[in-house]
C-alpha atoms as a PDB file:
ATOM      1  CA  MET A   1      -0.416  -9.998  -2.897  1.00  0.00           C
ATOM      2  CA  GLY A   2       0.142 -11.766  -5.756  1.00  0.00           C
ATOM      3  CA  ARG A   3      -1.492 -11.262  -9.095  1.00  0.00           C
ATOM      4  CA  MET A   4      -3.430  -8.079  -9.189  1.00  0.00           C
ATOM      5  CA  THR A   5      -6.369  -7.703 -11.320  1.00  0.00           C
ATOM      6  CA  LEU A   6      -8.246  -4.694 -10.320  1.00  0.00           C
ATOM      7  CA  THR A   7      -7.774  -4.265  -6.619  1.00  0.00           C
ATOM      8  CA  ARG A   8     -10.040  -1.414  -5.454  1.00  0.00           C
ATOM      9  CA  VAL A   9      -9.796   0.981  -2.464  1.00  0.00           C
ATOM     10  CA  PHE A  10     -12.642   2.184  -0.579  1.00  0.00           C
ATOM     11  CA  ASP A  11     -13.386   4.629   1.651  1.00  0.00           C
ATOM     12  CA  GLY A  12     -16.535   3.156   3.581  1.00  0.00           C
ATOM     13  CA  ASP A  13     -18.603   1.779   1.022  1.00  0.00           C
ATOM     14  CA  LYS A  14     -17.394   4.136  -1.468  1.00  0.00           C
ATOM     15  CA  LYS A  15     -14.688   3.165  -4.269  1.00  0.00           C
ATOM     16  CA  VAL A  16     -12.304   5.812  -4.102  1.00  0.00           C
ATOM     17  CA  GLY A  17      -9.257   4.510  -6.141  1.00  0.00           C
ATOM     18  CA  ARG A  18      -7.142   1.451  -7.243  1.00  0.00           C
ATOM     19  CA  LEU A  19      -3.766  -0.236  -6.734  1.00  0.00           C
ATOM     20  CA  THR A  20      -1.484  -0.652  -9.537  1.00  0.00           C
ATOM     21  CA  SER A  21       1.539  -2.418  -7.646  1.00  0.00           C
ATOM     22  CA  GLY A  22       1.876  -3.961  -4.576  1.00  0.00           C
ATOM     23  CA  GLY A  23       4.055  -6.585  -2.555  1.00  0.00           C
ATOM     24  CA  TYR A  24       6.500  -7.079   0.634  1.00  0.00           C
ATOM     25  CA  SER A  25       8.244  -3.913   1.898  1.00  0.00           C
ATOM     26  CA  VAL A  26      11.570  -4.484   4.223  1.00  0.00           C
ATOM     27  CA  HIS A  27      11.419  -1.112   5.014  1.00  0.00           C
ATOM     28  CA  PHE A  28       7.927  -1.218   6.491  1.00  0.00           C
ATOM     29  CA  GLY A  29       8.053  -5.263   7.431  1.00  0.00           C
ATOM     30  CA  LYS A  30       4.679  -5.559   5.839  1.00  0.00           C
ATOM     31  CA  SER A  31       2.906  -5.715   2.768  1.00  0.00           C
ATOM     32  CA  ILE A  32       2.602  -2.226   0.400  1.00  0.00           C
ATOM     33  CA  GLY A  33       0.929  -1.010  -2.212  1.00  0.00           C
ATOM     34  CA  MET A  34       1.006   1.933  -4.752  1.00  0.00           C
ATOM     35  CA  GLY A  35      -2.097   3.110  -6.711  1.00  0.00           C
ATOM     36  CA  TYR A  36      -4.401   6.065  -7.210  1.00  0.00           C
ATOM     37  CA  VAL A  37      -7.150   7.514  -4.915  1.00  0.00           C
ATOM     38  CA  SER A  38      -9.211  10.760  -5.194  1.00  0.00           C
ATOM     39  CA  PRO A  39      -7.270  13.864  -4.592  1.00  0.00           C
ATOM     40  CA  GLY A  40      -9.150  14.906  -1.490  1.00  0.00           C
ATOM     41  CA  LEU A  41      -7.919  11.593   0.303  1.00  0.00           C
ATOM     42  CA  ALA A  42      -4.319  11.520  -0.683  1.00  0.00           C
ATOM     43  CA  VAL A  43      -3.492  12.675   2.340  1.00  0.00           C
ATOM     44  CA  ALA A  44      -0.469  11.147   4.942  1.00  0.00           C
ATOM     45  CA  GLY A  45      -2.370   9.180   7.613  1.00  0.00           C
ATOM     46  CA  GLN A  46      -5.800   9.074   5.534  1.00  0.00           C
ATOM     47  CA  LYS A  47      -7.398   5.546   6.417  1.00  0.00           C
ATOM     48  CA  LEU A  48      -8.925   3.387   3.987  1.00  0.00           C
ATOM     49  CA  ARG A  49      -9.540  -0.354   2.852  1.00  0.00           C
ATOM     50  CA  VAL A  50      -8.137  -2.161  -0.013  1.00  0.00           C
ATOM     51  CA  LYS A  51     -10.158  -5.438  -1.452  1.00  0.00           C
ATOM     52  CA  MET A  52      -8.104  -8.127  -2.258  1.00  0.00           C
ATOM     53  CA  GLN A  53      -8.543 -11.932  -2.454  1.00  0.00           C
ATOM     54  CA  ASN A  54     -12.239 -11.097  -1.813  1.00  0.00           C
ATOM     55  CA  ARG A  55     -11.402  -9.384   1.635  1.00  0.00           C
ATOM     56  CA  LEU A  56     -10.991  -5.820   2.828  1.00  0.00           C
ATOM     57  CA  TRP A  57      -7.614  -4.929   4.382  1.00  0.00           C
ATOM     58  CA  ASP A  58      -7.024  -2.146   6.258  1.00  0.00           C
ATOM     59  CA  ALA A  59      -4.813   0.307   4.596  1.00  0.00           C
ATOM     60  CA  VAL A  60      -3.046   3.825   5.635  1.00  0.00           C
ATOM     61  CA  ILE A  61      -1.714   6.394   3.170  1.00  0.00           C
ATOM     62  CA  THR A  62       1.741   7.370   3.416  1.00  0.00           C
ATOM     63  CA  GLU A  63       3.607  11.017   2.570  1.00  0.00           C
ATOM     64  CA  ASP A  64       6.204   8.993   0.418  1.00  0.00           C
ATOM     65  CA  SER A  65       7.723   5.893  -0.965  1.00  0.00           C
ATOM     66  CA  PRO A  66      10.226   4.137   1.223  1.00  0.00           C
ATOM     67  CA  TYR A  67      13.548   4.155  -0.254  1.00  0.00           C
ATOM     68  CA  ASP A  68      16.740   2.558   0.773  1.00  0.00           C
ATOM     69  CA  PRO A  69      19.477   3.679  -1.642  1.00  0.00           C
ATOM     70  CA  THR A  70      22.262   1.889   0.516  1.00  0.00           C
ATOM     71  CA  ASN A  71      19.910  -1.208   1.197  1.00  0.00           C
ATOM     72  CA  ASN A  72      20.867  -1.011   4.776  1.00  0.00           C
ATOM     73  CA  MET A  73      17.111  -2.412   5.578  1.00  0.00           C
ATOM     74  CA  ILE A  74      17.431  -5.423   3.227  1.00  0.00           C
ATOM     75  CA  ARG A  75      21.114  -6.575   4.784  1.00  0.00           C
ATOM     76  CA  LYS A  76      19.945  -5.700   8.311  1.00  0.00           C
ATOM     77  CA  ASN A  77      19.503  -9.368   9.314  1.00  0.00           C
ATOM     78  CA  LEU A  78      22.434 -10.911   7.533  1.00  0.00           C
ATOM     79  CA  GLU A  79      24.770  -9.685   9.492  1.00  0.00           C
END
């Protein structure tokens, strides 16, 4: 995701939030972002769009941040 200036989150054409950080997640196997959305949209499974690099990308609200306290996922392909 690179350097983030003000990455906006959209529901259709309406701006509903912004990302505050992002990067690649070994746990999910794809890029993820963390940020703020309108309270009514902060529901697991809610589909939104994120504007980055002048392009809209599909996004889905998840219930919790991925956490791997033993680092099993990151070491998975090293053995």
